[in-house]
C-alpha atoms as a PDB file:
ATOM      1  CA  MET A   1      61.377  30.251 -13.002  1.00  0.00           C
ATOM      2  CA  LYS A   2      59.446  30.017  -9.717  1.00  0.00           C
ATOM      3  CA  ASN A   3      56.340  31.379 -11.468  1.00  0.00           C
ATOM      4  CA  ILE A   4      56.528  28.682 -14.149  1.00  0.00           C
ATOM      5  CA  LEU A   5      57.007  25.996 -11.501  1.00  0.00           C
ATOM      6  CA  SER A   6      54.050  27.340  -9.500  1.00  0.00           C
ATOM      7  CA  ILE A   7      51.854  27.359 -12.606  1.00  0.00           C
ATOM      8  CA  LEU A   8      52.855  23.757 -13.416  1.00  0.00           C
ATOM      9  CA  VAL A   9      52.057  22.617  -9.860  1.00  0.00           C
ATOM     10  CA  VAL A  10      48.634  24.307  -9.904  1.00  0.00           C
ATOM     11  CA  PHE A  11      47.925  22.905 -13.378  1.00  0.00           C
ATOM     12  CA  SER A  12      48.847  19.350 -12.326  1.00  0.00           C
ATOM     13  CA  ILE A  13      46.611  19.618  -9.235  1.00  0.00           C
ATOM     14  CA  LEU A  14      43.671  20.793 -11.354  1.00  0.00           C
ATOM     15  CA  VAL A  15      44.171  18.026 -13.919  1.00  0.00           C
ATOM     16  CA  THR A  16      44.413  15.381 -11.193  1.00  0.00           C
ATOM     17  CA  ALA A  17      41.377  16.725  -9.310  1.00  0.00           C
ATOM     18  CA  GLY A  18      39.317  16.890 -12.502  1.00  0.00           C
ATOM     19  CA  GLY A  19      38.523  13.170 -12.280  1.00  0.00           C
ATOM     20  CA  CYS A  20      37.592  13.343  -8.604  1.00  0.00           C
ATOM     21  CA  GLY A  21      33.971  14.388  -9.032  1.00  0.00           C
ATOM     22  CA  ALA A  22      31.115  12.498  -7.402  1.00  0.00           C
ATOM     23  CA  PRO A  23      31.088   8.924  -8.695  1.00  0.00           C
ATOM     24  CA  GLN A  24      28.162   7.924 -10.880  1.00  0.00           C
ATOM     25  CA  GLN A  25      25.924   5.225  -9.451  1.00  0.00           C
ATOM     26  CA  LYS A  26      26.212   1.914 -11.290  1.00  0.00           C
ATOM     27  CA  GLU A  27      22.751   0.872 -10.080  1.00  0.00           C
ATOM     28  CA  ILE A  28      19.717   2.989  -9.274  1.00  0.00           C
ATOM     29  CA  ASN A  29      16.387   2.122  -7.653  1.00  0.00           C
ATOM     30  CA  VAL A  30      13.176   3.798  -8.768  1.00  0.00           C
ATOM     31  CA  GLU A  31       9.985   3.344  -6.730  1.00  0.00           C
ATOM     32  CA  ILE A  32       7.107   3.300  -9.223  1.00  0.00           C
ATOM     33  CA  LYS A  33       3.947   4.691  -7.616  1.00  0.00           C
ATOM     34  CA  ALA A  34       2.802   6.800 -10.559  1.00  0.00           C
ATOM     35  CA  ASP A  35       3.947   7.582 -14.105  1.00  0.00           C
ATOM     36  CA  GLU A  36       7.718   8.172 -14.049  1.00  0.00           C
ATOM     37  CA  SER A  37      10.396   9.690 -16.300  1.00  0.00           C
ATOM     38  CA  PHE A  38      14.133   9.524 -15.666  1.00  0.00           C
ATOM     39  CA  HIS A  39      17.585   9.293 -17.294  1.00  0.00           C
ATOM     40  CA  LEU A  40      19.800   6.210 -17.432  1.00  0.00           C
ATOM     41  CA  ARG A  41      23.362   5.950 -18.734  1.00  0.00           C
ATOM     42  CA  VAL A  42      24.446   3.193 -21.120  1.00  0.00           C
ATOM     43  CA  GLY A  43      25.812   0.406 -18.882  1.00  0.00           C
ATOM     44  CA  GLN A  44      23.906   1.644 -15.828  1.00  0.00           C
ATOM     45  CA  THR A  45      21.362  -0.659 -14.160  1.00  0.00           C
ATOM     46  CA  VAL A  46      17.925   0.358 -12.908  1.00  0.00           C
ATOM     47  CA  ASN A  47      15.613  -1.541 -10.568  1.00  0.00           C
ATOM     48  CA  LEU A  48      11.977  -0.587 -11.123  1.00  0.00           C
ATOM     49  CA  ARG A  49      10.215  -1.355  -7.836  1.00  0.00           C
ATOM     50  CA  PHE A  50       6.435  -1.802  -7.669  1.00  0.00           C
ATOM     51  CA  GLU A  51       4.278  -2.440  -4.597  1.00  0.00           C
ATOM     52  CA  SER A  52       2.662  -5.806  -5.228  1.00  0.00           C
ATOM     53  CA  ASN A  53       0.705  -8.602  -3.586  1.00  0.00           C
ATOM     54  CA  PRO A  54       0.743 -11.745  -5.751  1.00  0.00           C
ATOM     55  CA  THR A  55      -1.387 -13.651  -3.208  1.00  0.00           C
ATOM     56  CA  THR A  56      -4.337 -11.678  -4.630  1.00  0.00           C
ATOM     57  CA  GLY A  57      -3.529 -12.955  -8.126  1.00  0.00           C
ATOM     58  CA  TYR A  58      -2.344  -9.544  -9.326  1.00  0.00           C
ATOM     59  CA  LEU A  59       1.085  -9.095 -10.925  1.00  0.00           C
ATOM     60  CA  TRP A  60       2.812  -6.221 -12.692  1.00  0.00           C
ATOM     61  CA  THR A  61       3.308  -7.029 -16.376  1.00  0.00           C
ATOM     62  CA  ILE A  62       4.765  -5.054 -19.264  1.00  0.00           C
ATOM     63  CA  THR A  63       1.928  -4.569 -21.741  1.00  0.00           C
ATOM     64  CA  ASP A  64       3.536  -2.107 -24.148  1.00  0.00           C
ATOM     65  CA  LYS A  65       7.140  -1.254 -24.941  1.00  0.00           C
ATOM     66  CA  GLU A  66       8.460   1.371 -27.332  1.00  0.00           C
ATOM     67  CA  GLY A  67      12.198   1.776 -27.974  1.00  0.00           C
ATOM     68  CA  TYR A  68      12.786  -1.384 -25.926  1.00  0.00           C
ATOM     69  CA  ASP A  69      16.039  -2.205 -27.769  1.00  0.00           C
ATOM     70  CA  ALA A  70      17.779   0.592 -25.806  1.00  0.00           C
ATOM     71  CA  LEU A  71      17.410  -1.598 -22.703  1.00  0.00           C
ATOM     72  CA  LYS A  72      18.622  -5.051 -21.747  1.00  0.00           C
ATOM     73  CA  ARG A  73      16.292  -6.915 -19.398  1.00  0.00           C
ATOM     74  CA  MET A  74      18.255  -8.579 -16.612  1.00  0.00           C
ATOM     75  CA  GLY A  75      16.214 -11.753 -16.113  1.00  0.00           C
ATOM     76  CA  ASP A  76      12.668 -12.210 -14.931  1.00  0.00           C
ATOM     77  CA  TYR A  77      11.161 -10.030 -12.214  1.00  0.00           C
ATOM     78  CA  LYS A  78      11.991 -10.663  -8.542  1.00  0.00           C
ATOM     79  CA  TYR A  79       9.542 -10.551  -5.654  1.00  0.00           C
ATOM     80  CA  ILE A  80      10.575  -9.556  -2.130  1.00  0.00           C
ATOM     81  CA  PRO A  81       7.870 -10.055   0.538  1.00  0.00           C
ATOM     82  CA  SER A  82       7.509  -7.275   3.098  1.00  0.00           C
ATOM     83  CA  SER A  83       7.073  -9.819   5.895  1.00  0.00           C
ATOM     84  CA  GLY A  84       6.837 -13.561   6.423  1.00  0.00           C
ATOM     85  CA  ARG A  85       3.079 -13.410   7.042  1.00  0.00           C
ATOM     86  CA  VAL A  86       0.752 -15.208   4.656  1.00  0.00           C
ATOM     87  CA  GLY A  87      -1.074 -12.800   2.375  1.00  0.00           C
ATOM     88  CA  SER A  88       1.227  -9.853   3.014  1.00  0.00           C
ATOM     89  CA  GLY A  89       2.389  -7.728   0.138  1.00  0.00           C
ATOM     90  CA  GLY A  90       5.870  -6.850  -0.972  1.00  0.00           C
ATOM     91  CA  ILE A  91       7.890  -5.428  -3.828  1.00  0.00           C
ATOM     92  CA  GLN A  92       8.027  -6.717  -7.410  1.00  0.00           C
ATOM     93  CA  ILE A  93      11.267  -5.659  -9.111  1.00  0.00           C
ATOM     94  CA  TYR A  94      12.092  -5.442 -12.818  1.00  0.00           C
ATOM     95  CA  THR A  95      15.791  -4.874 -13.574  1.00  0.00           C
ATOM     96  CA  PHE A  96      17.114  -3.344 -16.796  1.00  0.00           C
ATOM     97  CA  GLU A  97      20.476  -2.140 -18.056  1.00  0.00           C
ATOM     98  CA  GLY A  98      20.970   0.718 -20.486  1.00  0.00           C
ATOM     99  CA  ALA A  99      22.127  -1.044 -23.681  1.00  0.00           C
ATOM    100  CA  LYS A 100      22.336   1.858 -26.124  1.00  0.00           C
ATOM    101  CA  ARG A 101      21.224   5.458 -26.508  1.00  0.00           C
ATOM    102  CA  GLY A 102      17.509   5.919 -27.046  1.00  0.00           C
ATOM    103  CA  LYS A 103      14.139   6.817 -25.589  1.00  0.00           C
ATOM    104  CA  VAL A 104      12.108   4.010 -24.046  1.00  0.00           C
ATOM    105  CA  THR A 105       8.457   3.951 -23.025  1.00  0.00           C
ATOM    106  CA  LEU A 106       7.224   1.003 -20.959  1.00  0.00           C
ATOM    107  CA  VAL A 107       3.631   0.498 -19.871  1.00  0.00           C
ATOM    108  CA  PHE A 108       3.140  -1.635 -16.767  1.00  0.00           C
ATOM    109  CA  GLU A 109      -0.285  -2.950 -15.772  1.00  0.00           C
ATOM    110  CA  TYR A 110      -1.248  -4.530 -12.466  1.00  0.00           C
ATOM    111  CA  ARG A 111      -3.635  -7.260 -13.458  1.00  0.00           C
ATOM    112  CA  ARG A 112      -4.586 -10.901 -13.029  1.00  0.00           C
ATOM    113  CA  PRO A 113      -3.048 -12.922 -15.871  1.00  0.00           C
ATOM    114  CA  TRP A 114      -6.139 -15.079 -16.404  1.00  0.00           C
ATOM    115  CA  GLU A 115      -8.538 -12.164 -16.891  1.00  0.00           C
ATOM    116  CA  PRO A 116      -9.272 -11.026 -20.455  1.00  0.00           C
ATOM    117  CA  LEU A 117      -7.426  -7.923 -21.666  1.00  0.00           C
ATOM    118  CA  THR A 118     -10.801  -6.232 -22.015  1.00  0.00           C
ATOM    119  CA  THR A 119     -10.936  -6.132 -18.199  1.00  0.00           C
ATOM    120  CA  PRO A 120      -9.388  -2.841 -17.065  1.00  0.00           C
ATOM    121  CA  ALA A 121      -6.102  -3.131 -15.151  1.00  0.00           C
ATOM    122  CA  ALA A 122      -6.273  -2.399 -11.421  1.00  0.00           C
ATOM    123  CA  ARG A 123      -3.383   0.069 -11.915  1.00  0.00           C
ATOM    124  CA  LYS A 124      -1.448   1.258 -14.949  1.00  0.00           C
ATOM    125  CA  TYR A 125       1.818   3.233 -15.015  1.00  0.00           C
ATOM    126  CA  THR A 126       3.889   4.545 -17.908  1.00  0.00           C
ATOM    127  CA  VAL A 127       7.657   4.640 -17.384  1.00  0.00           C
ATOM    128  CA  ARG A 128       9.756   6.768 -19.741  1.00  0.00           C
ATOM    129  CA  ILE A 129      13.512   6.250 -19.751  1.00  0.00           C
ATOM    130  CA  ASP A 130      16.027   8.390 -21.658  1.00  0.00           C
ATOM    131  CA  VAL A 131      19.142   6.229 -22.119  1.00  0.00           C
ATOM    132  CA  HIS A 132      22.231   8.347 -22.864  1.00  0.00           C
END
């Protein structure tokens, strides 16, 4: 009888501890300084952070998007200056949420909006996201 009771106690501890793993992050930040690939869970939010200086006229824009329906864009981009000084750079942030399973490819170009698309972008990064 003691053996059965001991087994039940150990079993109940294991079942209870099974849900005590490391919690999954609800929001992740990814610094984009080159082409990137990463995984995102459905319902999880990602902040894509780009070094930017809009005082020069350059902004990060999405110029191509494949599988975009697997993401939900959470508003327009945000800009956070690195300092209060005029002309200083900062961080431009695009926020997305995983909406459904799928593979997403986003192409971001750092360019001046008034220049023709035939003008090469100052920088260009491809971001691949596997939403699961």
